[in-house]
Amino acid sequence: MNTPFIRNHQFNFIKKQIKTLQNACTTVSDPKIVESVRTGVLTAITELFPQANEHQRQLLEQCSTAKTAVEFQLYIQSLEPYLEEFTPVTDQQLKKLFPKIKKLKLPDLSQADYRYTTYLGWSDIASSRRFLAYHLNGKLVGVEGRITPANKKTICFVCNRLEEVALFTAITKSKPANASPDYYKAIGQYMCLNSETCNGNVTDTTKLEKFIEDVTSTVYKN
């Protein structure tokens, strides 16, 4: 039985590393340089999974002998049965995340492939609001805020890629002691407008988790 252990962002990271290695195999003539790149790629991939068992390590290390485009593609395909799905959610669960939004616009999840999902993100253009759902420390957490389109490509704080983004601004739930009733703190980040694109690019969840922590006061435990 194939026990899933690779999360979407880790899979994206592996694909990025393999692309680097494939490029070296194709364009670099010096075997020593190619092997140096291969060693670096293999180390980067295996270090993502410090708790991997022997079978999982062997699976990840199969890229150590790949040289052709076909072999690299077969390596990537061999990992897909081990992708760990984003735990599916229902419309009712999403509504509970945002109880103050009486007419919550829900995303169409009928075609969602949760294997390639790090977070759920959708926008209500009519109200200029954006919603995120993410499993943080085993708990489904929601963040909602205002969006202001940037009208130009900018680096997304989640996937660190140059994409069409909007400024996503959320109000934190925590307040300092003795704060006035009118106190509030807003946190804003540029984020991909297209969540599918973002989920296909993200290789590290650190900044996303920090943002959610800051907004929701939920502590992430690695």
N, C-alpha and C. Protein backbone atom coordinates (compact mmCIF):
# COMPACT_ATOMS: atom_id res chain seq x y z
N MET A 1 0.85 -1.20 0.00
CA MET A 1 0.00 0.00 0.00
C MET A 1 0.88 1.25 0.00
N ASN A 2 0.55 2.21 -0.86
CA ASN A 2 1.31 3.46 -0.94
C ASN A 2 0.79 4.45 0.10
N THR A 3 1.54 4.64 1.16
CA THR A 3 1.14 5.59 2.19
C THR A 3 1.56 7.00 1.79
N PRO A 4 0.61 7.92 1.61
CA PRO A 4 0.95 9.29 1.19
C PRO A 4 1.84 9.98 2.23
N PHE A 5 2.86 10.67 1.75
CA PHE A 5 3.73 11.41 2.67
C PHE A 5 4.27 12.70 2.05
N ILE A 6 3.92 12.97 0.79
CA ILE A 6 4.43 14.15 0.10
C ILE A 6 3.30 15.18 -0.04
N ARG A 7 3.46 16.34 0.58
CA ARG A 7 2.46 17.39 0.46
C ARG A 7 2.67 18.15 -0.85
N ASN A 8 1.64 18.86 -1.25
CA ASN A 8 1.67 19.55 -2.55
C ASN A 8 2.87 20.47 -2.70
N HIS A 9 3.15 21.29 -1.69
CA HIS A 9 4.27 22.24 -1.82
C HIS A 9 5.61 21.50 -1.89
N GLN A 10 5.70 20.35 -1.25
CA GLN A 10 6.92 19.56 -1.33
C GLN A 10 7.08 18.95 -2.72
N PHE A 11 5.97 18.52 -3.29
CA PHE A 11 5.99 17.97 -4.65
C PHE A 11 6.44 19.04 -5.64
N ASN A 12 5.93 20.25 -5.47
CA ASN A 12 6.36 21.36 -6.33
C ASN A 12 7.85 21.64 -6.17
N PHE A 13 8.33 21.56 -4.94
CA PHE A 13 9.76 21.77 -4.68
C PHE A 13 10.59 20.70 -5.39
N ILE A 14 10.15 19.47 -5.30
CA ILE A 14 10.87 18.37 -5.96
C ILE A 14 10.90 18.59 -7.47
N LYS A 15 9.77 18.97 -8.05
CA LYS A 15 9.72 19.21 -9.50
C LYS A 15 10.68 20.33 -9.90
N LYS A 16 10.76 21.35 -9.07
CA LYS A 16 11.67 22.47 -9.36
C LYS A 16 13.12 22.00 -9.31
N GLN A 17 13.45 21.17 -8.34
CA GLN A 17 14.81 20.64 -8.23
C GLN A 17 15.14 19.73 -9.42
N ILE A 18 14.19 18.91 -9.80
CA ILE A 18 14.42 17.99 -10.93
C ILE A 18 14.60 18.77 -12.22
N LYS A 19 13.88 19.87 -12.37
CA LYS A 19 14.06 20.71 -13.55
C LYS A 19 15.48 21.26 -13.60
N THR A 20 16.02 21.64 -12.45
CA THR A 20 17.40 22.13 -12.37
C THR A 20 18.38 21.03 -12.79
N LEU A 21 18.16 19.82 -12.28
CA LEU A 21 19.04 18.70 -12.61
C LEU A 21 18.94 18.32 -14.08
N GLN A 22 17.71 18.29 -14.59
CA GLN A 22 17.52 17.96 -16.00
C GLN A 22 18.21 18.98 -16.90
N ASN A 23 18.12 20.24 -16.54
CA ASN A 23 18.77 21.29 -17.31
C ASN A 23 20.29 21.11 -17.31
N ALA A 24 20.84 20.72 -16.15
CA ALA A 24 22.28 20.48 -16.07
C ALA A 24 22.69 19.29 -16.94
N CYS A 25 21.90 18.24 -16.91
CA CYS A 25 22.20 17.06 -17.72
C CYS A 25 22.15 17.37 -19.21
N THR A 26 21.31 18.33 -19.58
CA THR A 26 21.12 18.67 -20.99
C THR A 26 22.14 19.67 -21.50
N THR A 27 22.54 20.61 -20.67
CA THR A 27 23.34 21.73 -21.16
C THR A 27 24.79 21.75 -20.67
N VAL A 28 25.12 20.99 -19.63
CA VAL A 28 26.47 21.03 -19.07
C VAL A 28 27.28 19.83 -19.57
N SER A 29 28.45 20.10 -20.09
CA SER A 29 29.29 19.03 -20.65
C SER A 29 30.24 18.41 -19.64
N ASP A 30 30.54 19.13 -18.58
CA ASP A 30 31.48 18.63 -17.57
C ASP A 30 30.77 17.67 -16.61
N PRO A 31 31.11 16.38 -16.62
CA PRO A 31 30.45 15.39 -15.75
C PRO A 31 30.56 15.72 -14.27
N LYS A 32 31.66 16.33 -13.86
CA LYS A 32 31.85 16.66 -12.45
C LYS A 32 30.84 17.71 -11.99
N ILE A 33 30.58 18.67 -12.87
CA ILE A 33 29.59 19.71 -12.53
C ILE A 33 28.20 19.10 -12.45
N VAL A 34 27.89 18.22 -13.40
CA VAL A 34 26.58 17.57 -13.40
C VAL A 34 26.38 16.77 -12.11
N GLU A 35 27.40 16.02 -11.71
CA GLU A 35 27.29 15.22 -10.50
C GLU A 35 27.20 16.10 -9.26
N SER A 36 27.84 17.25 -9.30
CA SER A 36 27.74 18.19 -8.18
C SER A 36 26.31 18.70 -8.06
N VAL A 37 25.71 19.03 -9.20
CA VAL A 37 24.31 19.47 -9.21
C VAL A 37 23.41 18.34 -8.73
N ARG A 38 23.67 17.13 -9.20
CA ARG A 38 22.86 15.97 -8.81
C ARG A 38 22.91 15.75 -7.29
N THR A 39 24.11 15.86 -6.74
CA THR A 39 24.27 15.68 -5.29
C THR A 39 23.49 16.75 -4.52
N GLY A 40 23.57 17.99 -4.99
CA GLY A 40 22.85 19.08 -4.34
C GLY A 40 21.35 18.89 -4.40
N VAL A 41 20.86 18.45 -5.56
CA VAL A 41 19.42 18.21 -5.74
C VAL A 41 18.96 17.07 -4.84
N LEU A 42 19.70 15.99 -4.83
CA LEU A 42 19.33 14.83 -4.01
C LEU A 42 19.31 15.20 -2.53
N THR A 43 20.28 15.98 -2.10
CA THR A 43 20.33 16.42 -0.71
C THR A 43 19.14 17.30 -0.37
N ALA A 44 18.83 18.25 -1.26
CA ALA A 44 17.71 19.16 -1.02
C ALA A 44 16.39 18.40 -0.91
N ILE A 45 16.21 17.39 -1.76
CA ILE A 45 14.97 16.62 -1.75
C ILE A 45 14.86 15.77 -0.49
N THR A 46 15.91 15.05 -0.15
CA THR A 46 15.84 14.15 1.00
C THR A 46 15.74 14.92 2.32
N GLU A 47 16.31 16.11 2.37
CA GLU A 47 16.23 16.91 3.60
C GLU A 47 14.82 17.40 3.89
N LEU A 48 13.96 17.37 2.88
CA LEU A 48 12.56 17.75 3.08
C LEU A 48 11.82 16.73 3.95
N PHE A 49 12.35 15.51 4.00
CA PHE A 49 11.64 14.42 4.66
C PHE A 49 12.54 13.73 5.69
N PRO A 50 12.85 14.41 6.79
CA PRO A 50 13.73 13.83 7.80
C PRO A 50 13.15 12.59 8.47
N GLN A 51 11.82 12.43 8.42
CA GLN A 51 11.17 11.29 9.05
C GLN A 51 10.87 10.16 8.07
N ALA A 52 11.39 10.26 6.85
CA ALA A 52 11.10 9.25 5.83
C ALA A 52 11.63 7.88 6.24
N ASN A 53 10.84 6.83 5.93
CA ASN A 53 11.31 5.47 6.21
C ASN A 53 12.18 4.99 5.05
N GLU A 54 12.67 3.77 5.13
CA GLU A 54 13.60 3.26 4.14
C GLU A 54 12.98 3.22 2.74
N HIS A 55 11.74 2.77 2.65
CA HIS A 55 11.07 2.71 1.35
C HIS A 55 10.91 4.10 0.75
N GLN A 56 10.52 5.05 1.57
CA GLN A 56 10.33 6.42 1.10
C GLN A 56 11.64 7.04 0.65
N ARG A 57 12.71 6.78 1.38
CA ARG A 57 14.03 7.31 0.99
C ARG A 57 14.47 6.72 -0.35
N GLN A 58 14.26 5.42 -0.52
CA GLN A 58 14.63 4.78 -1.79
C GLN A 58 13.84 5.38 -2.95
N LEU A 59 12.58 5.66 -2.70
CA LEU A 59 11.73 6.26 -3.73
C LEU A 59 12.26 7.63 -4.12
N LEU A 60 12.57 8.45 -3.14
CA LEU A 60 13.05 9.80 -3.39
C LEU A 60 14.42 9.80 -4.08
N GLU A 61 15.24 8.83 -3.77
CA GLU A 61 16.61 8.79 -4.28
C GLU A 61 16.72 8.21 -5.68
N GLN A 62 15.61 7.81 -6.26
CA GLN A 62 15.65 7.25 -7.61
C GLN A 62 16.10 8.26 -8.66
N CYS A 63 16.04 9.53 -8.32
CA CYS A 63 16.50 10.55 -9.26
C CYS A 63 18.02 10.54 -9.40
N SER A 64 18.70 9.79 -8.55
CA SER A 64 20.17 9.79 -8.55
C SER A 64 20.75 9.17 -9.82
N THR A 65 19.94 8.40 -10.56
CA THR A 65 20.44 7.76 -11.78
C THR A 65 19.77 8.31 -13.04
N ALA A 66 18.78 9.17 -12.88
CA ALA A 66 18.06 9.70 -14.05
C ALA A 66 18.94 10.65 -14.85
N LYS A 67 18.86 10.52 -16.18
CA LYS A 67 19.68 11.37 -17.05
C LYS A 67 18.89 11.97 -18.22
N THR A 68 17.85 11.28 -18.67
CA THR A 68 17.10 11.75 -19.83
C THR A 68 15.77 12.36 -19.41
N ALA A 69 15.15 13.10 -20.33
CA ALA A 69 13.86 13.73 -20.04
C ALA A 69 12.81 12.68 -19.67
N VAL A 70 12.85 11.54 -20.36
CA VAL A 70 11.89 10.46 -20.08
C VAL A 70 12.10 9.93 -18.67
N GLU A 71 13.34 9.73 -18.28
CA GLU A 71 13.64 9.20 -16.95
C GLU A 71 13.23 10.18 -15.85
N PHE A 72 13.43 11.45 -16.08
CA PHE A 72 13.01 12.44 -15.09
C PHE A 72 11.49 12.48 -14.97
N GLN A 73 10.81 12.37 -16.11
CA GLN A 73 9.35 12.36 -16.10
C GLN A 73 8.81 11.13 -15.37
N LEU A 74 9.44 9.99 -15.60
CA LEU A 74 9.03 8.77 -14.91
C LEU A 74 9.25 8.88 -13.40
N TYR A 75 10.32 9.56 -13.03
CA TYR A 75 10.59 9.77 -11.60
C TYR A 75 9.48 10.59 -10.96
N ILE A 76 9.11 11.70 -11.60
CA ILE A 76 8.03 12.55 -11.07
C ILE A 76 6.73 11.75 -10.99
N GLN A 77 6.43 10.99 -12.02
CA GLN A 77 5.20 10.19 -12.03
C GLN A 77 5.20 9.14 -10.92
N SER A 78 6.38 8.62 -10.59
CA SER A 78 6.46 7.59 -9.55
C SER A 78 6.12 8.14 -8.17
N LEU A 79 6.22 9.45 -8.01
CA LEU A 79 5.93 10.08 -6.72
C LEU A 79 4.44 10.39 -6.54
N GLU A 80 3.71 10.51 -7.63
CA GLU A 80 2.31 10.96 -7.56
C GLU A 80 1.42 10.07 -6.69
N PRO A 81 1.60 8.74 -6.69
CA PRO A 81 0.75 7.93 -5.81
C PRO A 81 0.98 8.20 -4.32
N TYR A 82 2.04 8.92 -4.00
CA TYR A 82 2.39 9.19 -2.61
C TYR A 82 2.01 10.61 -2.17
N LEU A 83 1.26 11.32 -3.01
CA LEU A 83 0.86 12.67 -2.66
C LEU A 83 -0.20 12.65 -1.56
N GLU A 84 0.02 13.48 -0.55
CA GLU A 84 -0.90 13.59 0.58
C GLU A 84 -1.94 14.67 0.29
N GLU A 85 -3.20 14.27 0.23
CA GLU A 85 -4.26 15.21 -0.13
C GLU A 85 -4.48 16.27 0.95
N PHE A 86 -4.85 17.47 0.49
CA PHE A 86 -5.47 18.46 1.37
C PHE A 86 -6.78 17.83 1.83
N THR A 87 -6.99 17.75 3.14
CA THR A 87 -8.19 17.09 3.64
C THR A 87 -9.44 17.77 3.08
N PRO A 88 -10.28 17.03 2.33
CA PRO A 88 -11.45 17.63 1.70
C PRO A 88 -12.37 18.31 2.72
N VAL A 89 -13.02 19.36 2.28
CA VAL A 89 -13.93 20.11 3.15
C VAL A 89 -15.30 20.20 2.50
N THR A 90 -16.30 20.40 3.32
CA THR A 90 -17.67 20.55 2.83
C THR A 90 -18.08 22.02 2.85
N ASP A 91 -19.17 22.32 2.15
CA ASP A 91 -19.70 23.68 2.18
C ASP A 91 -20.03 24.11 3.60
N GLN A 92 -20.56 23.18 4.39
CA GLN A 92 -20.94 23.51 5.76
C GLN A 92 -19.71 23.85 6.60
N GLN A 93 -18.62 23.14 6.39
CA GLN A 93 -17.39 23.46 7.12
C GLN A 93 -16.88 24.86 6.77
N LEU A 94 -16.96 25.21 5.50
CA LEU A 94 -16.51 26.53 5.08
C LEU A 94 -17.40 27.62 5.67
N LYS A 95 -18.69 27.37 5.74
CA LYS A 95 -19.60 28.35 6.32
C LYS A 95 -19.30 28.58 7.80
N LYS A 96 -18.91 27.52 8.49
CA LYS A 96 -18.57 27.64 9.91
C LYS A 96 -17.29 28.45 10.13
N LEU A 97 -16.42 28.45 9.12
CA LEU A 97 -15.18 29.23 9.24
C LEU A 97 -15.45 30.73 9.20
N PHE A 98 -16.55 31.10 8.53
CA PHE A 98 -16.85 32.53 8.34
C PHE A 98 -18.29 32.81 8.78
N PRO A 99 -18.59 32.64 10.07
CA PRO A 99 -19.98 32.75 10.56
C PRO A 99 -20.57 34.15 10.42
N LYS A 100 -19.73 35.18 10.34
CA LYS A 100 -20.24 36.55 10.24
C LYS A 100 -20.64 36.91 8.81
N ILE A 101 -20.24 36.10 7.85
CA ILE A 101 -20.60 36.35 6.45
C ILE A 101 -21.90 35.61 6.16
N LYS A 102 -23.00 36.33 6.16
CA LYS A 102 -24.32 35.69 6.05
C LYS A 102 -24.57 35.09 4.67
N LYS A 103 -24.07 35.75 3.64
CA LYS A 103 -24.27 35.23 2.28
C LYS A 103 -22.90 34.92 1.68
N LEU A 104 -22.25 33.94 2.28
CA LEU A 104 -20.90 33.57 1.85
C LEU A 104 -20.93 32.95 0.46
N LYS A 105 -20.13 33.52 -0.42
CA LYS A 105 -19.97 32.93 -1.75
C LYS A 105 -19.00 31.77 -1.63
N LEU A 106 -19.46 30.57 -1.94
CA LEU A 106 -18.64 29.38 -1.77
C LEU A 106 -17.94 29.01 -3.07
N PRO A 107 -16.75 28.44 -2.98
CA PRO A 107 -16.04 28.01 -4.19
C PRO A 107 -16.65 26.73 -4.74
N ASP A 108 -16.50 26.51 -6.03
CA ASP A 108 -16.94 25.27 -6.65
C ASP A 108 -15.83 24.24 -6.47
N LEU A 109 -16.05 23.29 -5.59
CA LEU A 109 -15.03 22.29 -5.29
C LEU A 109 -15.28 20.96 -5.98
N SER A 110 -16.26 20.93 -6.86
CA SER A 110 -16.63 19.67 -7.51
C SER A 110 -15.50 19.10 -8.35
N GLN A 111 -14.66 19.98 -8.91
CA GLN A 111 -13.56 19.52 -9.76
C GLN A 111 -12.20 19.65 -9.07
N ALA A 112 -12.21 19.93 -7.79
CA ALA A 112 -10.95 20.14 -7.07
C ALA A 112 -10.15 18.85 -6.97
N ASP A 113 -8.87 18.93 -7.26
CA ASP A 113 -7.96 17.80 -7.07
C ASP A 113 -7.13 18.12 -5.83
N TYR A 114 -7.51 17.53 -4.71
CA TYR A 114 -6.91 17.87 -3.43
C TYR A 114 -5.46 17.41 -3.31
N ARG A 115 -5.01 16.57 -4.23
CA ARG A 115 -3.59 16.17 -4.19
C ARG A 115 -2.69 17.36 -4.49
N TYR A 116 -3.19 18.26 -5.31
CA TYR A 116 -2.39 19.41 -5.74
C TYR A 116 -2.86 20.70 -5.08
N THR A 117 -3.33 20.57 -3.85
CA THR A 117 -3.88 21.72 -3.12
C THR A 117 -3.13 21.92 -1.81
N THR A 118 -2.60 23.11 -1.62
CA THR A 118 -1.97 23.48 -0.35
C THR A 118 -2.97 24.27 0.50
N TYR A 119 -3.73 25.13 -0.15
CA TYR A 119 -4.77 25.90 0.54
C TYR A 119 -5.92 26.13 -0.42
N LEU A 120 -7.08 26.44 0.12
CA LEU A 120 -8.23 26.84 -0.69
C LEU A 120 -8.32 28.36 -0.65
N GLY A 121 -8.48 28.97 -1.80
CA GLY A 121 -8.62 30.42 -1.87
C GLY A 121 -9.63 30.80 -2.92
N TRP A 122 -10.52 31.71 -2.59
CA TRP A 122 -11.51 32.17 -3.56
C TRP A 122 -11.92 33.60 -3.24
N SER A 123 -12.44 34.27 -4.25
CA SER A 123 -12.80 35.68 -4.10
C SER A 123 -14.27 35.91 -4.40
N ASP A 124 -14.83 36.90 -3.73
CA ASP A 124 -16.17 37.41 -4.04
C ASP A 124 -15.94 38.80 -4.64
N ILE A 125 -15.92 38.84 -5.95
CA ILE A 125 -15.59 40.09 -6.65
C ILE A 125 -16.58 41.20 -6.31
N ALA A 126 -17.85 40.85 -6.15
CA ALA A 126 -18.88 41.86 -5.88
C ALA A 126 -18.61 42.62 -4.59
N SER A 127 -18.06 41.93 -3.59
CA SER A 127 -17.80 42.58 -2.30
C SER A 127 -16.32 42.87 -2.09
N SER A 128 -15.50 42.57 -3.10
CA SER A 128 -14.04 42.78 -3.02
C SER A 128 -13.44 42.06 -1.81
N ARG A 129 -13.92 40.86 -1.57
CA ARG A 129 -13.43 40.08 -0.43
C ARG A 129 -12.79 38.78 -0.93
N ARG A 130 -11.82 38.31 -0.15
CA ARG A 130 -11.15 37.06 -0.46
C ARG A 130 -11.14 36.17 0.78
N PHE A 131 -11.20 34.87 0.53
CA PHE A 131 -11.29 33.90 1.62
C PHE A 131 -10.23 32.82 1.44
N LEU A 132 -9.64 32.43 2.55
CA LEU A 132 -8.65 31.35 2.55
C LEU A 132 -9.07 30.29 3.56
N ALA A 133 -8.80 29.03 3.22
CA ALA A 133 -8.99 27.92 4.16
C ALA A 133 -7.73 27.08 4.13
N TYR A 134 -7.21 26.76 5.32
CA TYR A 134 -5.92 26.06 5.39
C TYR A 134 -5.91 25.18 6.64
N HIS A 135 -5.29 24.02 6.52
CA HIS A 135 -5.14 23.13 7.68
C HIS A 135 -3.87 23.51 8.43
N LEU A 136 -4.04 24.16 9.57
CA LEU A 136 -2.91 24.63 10.37
C LEU A 136 -2.87 23.86 11.68
N ASN A 137 -1.79 23.12 11.88
CA ASN A 137 -1.64 22.34 13.10
C ASN A 137 -2.82 21.39 13.31
N GLY A 138 -3.28 20.78 12.20
CA GLY A 138 -4.36 19.81 12.28
C GLY A 138 -5.75 20.41 12.39
N LYS A 139 -5.84 21.73 12.32
CA LYS A 139 -7.13 22.41 12.45
C LYS A 139 -7.42 23.23 11.19
N LEU A 140 -8.65 23.13 10.71
CA LEU A 140 -9.05 23.93 9.55
C LEU A 140 -9.28 25.37 10.00
N VAL A 141 -8.53 26.29 9.40
CA VAL A 141 -8.57 27.70 9.80
C VAL A 141 -8.97 28.54 8.60
N GLY A 142 -9.76 29.58 8.84
CA GLY A 142 -10.18 30.47 7.77
C GLY A 142 -9.70 31.89 7.98
N VAL A 143 -9.38 32.57 6.88
CA VAL A 143 -8.99 33.98 6.91
C VAL A 143 -9.77 34.69 5.82
N GLU A 144 -10.36 35.82 6.17
CA GLU A 144 -11.06 36.61 5.15
C GLU A 144 -10.60 38.06 5.24
N GLY A 145 -10.60 38.72 4.08
CA GLY A 145 -10.16 40.11 4.05
C GLY A 145 -10.50 40.78 2.74
N ARG A 146 -10.07 42.00 2.60
CA ARG A 146 -10.32 42.79 1.40
C ARG A 146 -9.24 42.55 0.36
N ILE A 147 -9.62 42.65 -0.90
CA ILE A 147 -8.63 42.56 -1.97
C ILE A 147 -8.68 43.83 -2.82
N THR A 148 -7.49 44.27 -3.19
CA THR A 148 -7.33 45.40 -4.09
C THR A 148 -6.41 44.96 -5.21
N PRO A 149 -6.94 44.75 -6.43
CA PRO A 149 -6.10 44.29 -7.54
C PRO A 149 -4.91 45.21 -7.77
N ALA A 150 -3.76 44.62 -8.02
CA ALA A 150 -2.55 45.41 -8.25
C ALA A 150 -2.46 45.91 -9.69
N ASN A 151 -3.22 45.26 -10.59
CA ASN A 151 -3.24 45.62 -12.01
C ASN A 151 -1.87 45.51 -12.67
N LYS A 152 -1.02 44.70 -12.08
CA LYS A 152 0.29 44.40 -12.67
C LYS A 152 0.83 43.16 -11.98
N LYS A 153 1.78 42.54 -12.63
CA LYS A 153 2.39 41.35 -12.03
C LYS A 153 3.35 41.76 -10.92
N THR A 154 3.21 41.08 -9.79
CA THR A 154 4.07 41.32 -8.63
C THR A 154 4.35 39.98 -7.96
N ILE A 155 5.37 39.92 -7.14
CA ILE A 155 5.71 38.69 -6.45
C ILE A 155 4.65 38.34 -5.41
N CYS A 156 4.11 37.15 -5.51
CA CYS A 156 3.13 36.65 -4.53
C CYS A 156 3.87 36.20 -3.27
N PHE A 157 3.36 36.57 -2.11
CA PHE A 157 4.05 36.24 -0.87
C PHE A 157 3.95 34.75 -0.55
N VAL A 158 2.98 34.06 -1.12
CA VAL A 158 2.81 32.63 -0.84
C VAL A 158 3.74 31.78 -1.71
N CYS A 159 3.68 31.99 -3.02
CA CYS A 159 4.45 31.13 -3.93
C CYS A 159 5.76 31.74 -4.41
N ASN A 160 5.97 33.01 -4.10
CA ASN A 160 7.22 33.70 -4.45
C ASN A 160 7.46 33.72 -5.96
N ARG A 161 6.38 33.81 -6.71
CA ARG A 161 6.49 33.88 -8.17
C ARG A 161 5.85 35.18 -8.67
N LEU A 162 6.32 35.64 -9.83
CA LEU A 162 5.77 36.85 -10.44
C LEU A 162 4.46 36.49 -11.12
N GLU A 163 3.34 36.94 -10.55
CA GLU A 163 2.02 36.57 -11.06
C GLU A 163 1.07 37.76 -10.95
N GLU A 164 -0.12 37.60 -11.52
CA GLU A 164 -1.18 38.59 -11.35
C GLU A 164 -1.66 38.49 -9.90
N VAL A 165 -1.55 39.57 -9.17
CA VAL A 165 -1.84 39.52 -7.74
C VAL A 165 -2.83 40.62 -7.34
N ALA A 166 -3.28 40.51 -6.09
CA ALA A 166 -4.07 41.56 -5.45
C ALA A 166 -3.51 41.77 -4.05
N LEU A 167 -3.66 42.96 -3.53
CA LEU A 167 -3.29 43.22 -2.14
C LEU A 167 -4.40 42.64 -1.26
N PHE A 168 -4.06 41.63 -0.48
CA PHE A 168 -5.00 40.95 0.40
C PHE A 168 -4.78 41.47 1.82
N THR A 169 -5.79 42.15 2.37
CA THR A 169 -5.66 42.79 3.68
C THR A 169 -6.66 42.19 4.65
N ALA A 170 -6.15 41.68 5.77
CA ALA A 170 -7.01 41.05 6.77
C ALA A 170 -6.82 41.73 8.12
N ILE A 171 -7.88 41.76 8.91
CA ILE A 171 -7.85 42.35 10.24
C ILE A 171 -7.51 41.26 11.26
N THR A 172 -6.52 41.52 12.11
CA THR A 172 -6.14 40.53 13.11
C THR A 172 -7.22 40.40 14.18
N LYS A 173 -7.32 39.19 14.75
CA LYS A 173 -8.34 38.94 15.76
C LYS A 173 -7.88 39.31 17.17
N SER A 174 -6.59 39.40 17.37
CA SER A 174 -6.08 39.69 18.72
C SER A 174 -5.93 41.19 18.94
N LYS A 175 -6.04 41.59 20.19
CA LYS A 175 -5.85 43.00 20.57
C LYS A 175 -4.92 43.06 21.78
N PRO A 176 -4.11 44.10 21.85
CA PRO A 176 -3.25 44.27 23.03
C PRO A 176 -4.11 44.50 24.28
N ALA A 177 -3.53 44.21 25.42
CA ALA A 177 -4.24 44.47 26.68
C ALA A 177 -4.53 45.97 26.80
N ASN A 178 -5.71 46.29 27.29
CA ASN A 178 -6.15 47.67 27.51
C ASN A 178 -6.32 48.46 26.21
N ALA A 179 -6.47 47.75 25.09
CA ALA A 179 -6.70 48.44 23.82
C ALA A 179 -8.09 49.06 23.80
N SER A 180 -8.23 50.16 23.09
CA SER A 180 -9.53 50.82 22.99
C SER A 180 -10.47 49.97 22.15
N PRO A 181 -11.78 50.15 22.32
CA PRO A 181 -12.75 49.38 21.54
C PRO A 181 -12.60 49.57 20.03
N ASP A 182 -12.03 50.69 19.63
CA ASP A 182 -11.88 50.98 18.21
C ASP A 182 -10.57 50.45 17.62
N TYR A 183 -9.76 49.81 18.47
CA TYR A 183 -8.45 49.35 17.99
C TYR A 183 -8.60 48.22 16.97
N TYR A 184 -7.79 48.31 15.92
CA TYR A 184 -7.68 47.17 15.02
C TYR A 184 -6.33 47.25 14.31
N LYS A 185 -5.87 46.10 13.86
CA LYS A 185 -4.60 46.03 13.14
C LYS A 185 -4.82 45.24 11.86
N ALA A 186 -4.41 45.83 10.76
CA ALA A 186 -4.57 45.17 9.46
C ALA A 186 -3.22 44.68 8.97
N ILE A 187 -3.23 43.50 8.36
CA ILE A 187 -2.03 42.93 7.76
C ILE A 187 -2.30 42.70 6.28
N GLY A 188 -1.42 43.21 5.44
CA GLY A 188 -1.63 43.08 4.00
C GLY A 188 -0.46 42.41 3.30
N GLN A 189 -0.78 41.59 2.30
CA GLN A 189 0.24 40.92 1.50
C GLN A 189 -0.27 40.81 0.06
N TYR A 190 0.66 40.87 -0.89
CA TYR A 190 0.29 40.63 -2.28
C TYR A 190 0.19 39.13 -2.52
N MET A 191 -0.94 38.73 -3.09
CA MET A 191 -1.24 37.30 -3.23
C MET A 191 -1.84 37.02 -4.60
N CYS A 192 -1.53 35.85 -5.15
CA CYS A 192 -2.06 35.46 -6.45
C CYS A 192 -3.59 35.56 -6.48
N LEU A 193 -4.11 36.10 -7.57
CA LEU A 193 -5.56 36.12 -7.77
C LEU A 193 -6.07 34.73 -8.13
N ASN A 194 -5.23 33.96 -8.82
CA ASN A 194 -5.60 32.61 -9.24
C ASN A 194 -4.99 31.60 -8.27
N SER A 195 -5.84 31.02 -7.43
CA SER A 195 -5.35 30.10 -6.40
C SER A 195 -4.81 28.81 -7.00
N GLU A 196 -5.37 28.39 -8.13
CA GLU A 196 -4.88 27.18 -8.78
C GLU A 196 -3.43 27.37 -9.23
N THR A 197 -3.16 28.53 -9.81
CA THR A 197 -1.79 28.85 -10.22
C THR A 197 -0.86 28.88 -9.02
N CYS A 198 -1.32 29.51 -7.95
CA CYS A 198 -0.51 29.63 -6.73
C CYS A 198 -0.22 28.26 -6.13
N ASN A 199 -1.23 27.40 -6.09
CA ASN A 199 -1.03 26.05 -5.56
C ASN A 199 -0.08 25.24 -6.42
N GLY A 200 -0.02 25.58 -7.70
CA GLY A 200 0.91 24.90 -8.60
C GLY A 200 2.33 25.40 -8.49
N ASN A 201 2.51 26.55 -7.84
CA ASN A 201 3.83 27.17 -7.72
C ASN A 201 4.45 27.05 -6.33
N VAL A 202 3.64 27.02 -5.30
CA VAL A 202 4.14 27.13 -3.93
C VAL A 202 5.08 25.97 -3.58
N THR A 203 6.22 26.31 -2.99
CA THR A 203 7.20 25.30 -2.59
C THR A 203 7.53 25.36 -1.10
N ASP A 204 6.93 26.31 -0.40
CA ASP A 204 7.22 26.50 1.03
C ASP A 204 6.01 27.16 1.66
N THR A 205 5.54 26.63 2.78
CA THR A 205 4.34 27.18 3.42
C THR A 205 4.65 28.10 4.59
N THR A 206 5.91 28.39 4.83
CA THR A 206 6.30 29.16 6.01
C THR A 206 5.61 30.53 6.07
N LYS A 207 5.67 31.28 4.98
CA LYS A 207 5.10 32.64 4.98
C LYS A 207 3.57 32.60 5.06
N LEU A 208 2.96 31.64 4.40
CA LEU A 208 1.50 31.51 4.48
C LEU A 208 1.08 31.20 5.91
N GLU A 209 1.77 30.27 6.55
CA GLU A 209 1.42 29.90 7.92
C GLU A 209 1.65 31.05 8.89
N LYS A 210 2.72 31.80 8.67
CA LYS A 210 2.99 32.96 9.54
C LYS A 210 1.88 34.00 9.39
N PHE A 211 1.44 34.24 8.16
CA PHE A 211 0.36 35.19 7.91
C PHE A 211 -0.92 34.75 8.62
N ILE A 212 -1.25 33.47 8.50
CA ILE A 212 -2.46 32.95 9.13
C ILE A 212 -2.34 33.03 10.65
N GLU A 213 -1.18 32.69 11.17
CA GLU A 213 -0.93 32.83 12.62
C GLU A 213 -1.19 34.25 13.09
N ASP A 214 -0.61 35.21 12.37
CA ASP A 214 -0.71 36.61 12.78
C ASP A 214 -2.15 37.12 12.74
N VAL A 215 -2.92 36.64 11.77
CA VAL A 215 -4.30 37.10 11.63
C VAL A 215 -5.23 36.42 12.62
N THR A 216 -5.06 35.11 12.78
CA THR A 216 -6.02 34.34 13.58
C THR A 216 -5.57 34.08 15.01
N SER A 217 -4.30 34.39 15.30
CA SER A 217 -3.71 34.10 16.62
C SER A 217 -3.66 32.60 16.89
N THR A 218 -3.64 31.81 15.81
CA THR A 218 -3.48 30.36 15.92
C THR A 218 -2.00 30.05 15.85
N VAL A 219 -1.50 29.27 16.79
CA VAL A 219 -0.07 28.96 16.83
C VAL A 219 0.20 27.72 16.01
N TYR A 220 1.18 27.82 15.13
CA TYR A 220 1.59 26.68 14.31
C TYR A 220 2.70 25.92 15.02
N LYS A 221 2.54 24.63 15.12
CA LYS A 221 3.56 23.78 15.73
C LYS A 221 4.11 22.84 14.67
N ASN A 222 5.38 22.99 14.36
CA ASN A 222 6.02 22.15 13.34
C ASN A 222 6.33 20.77 13.90
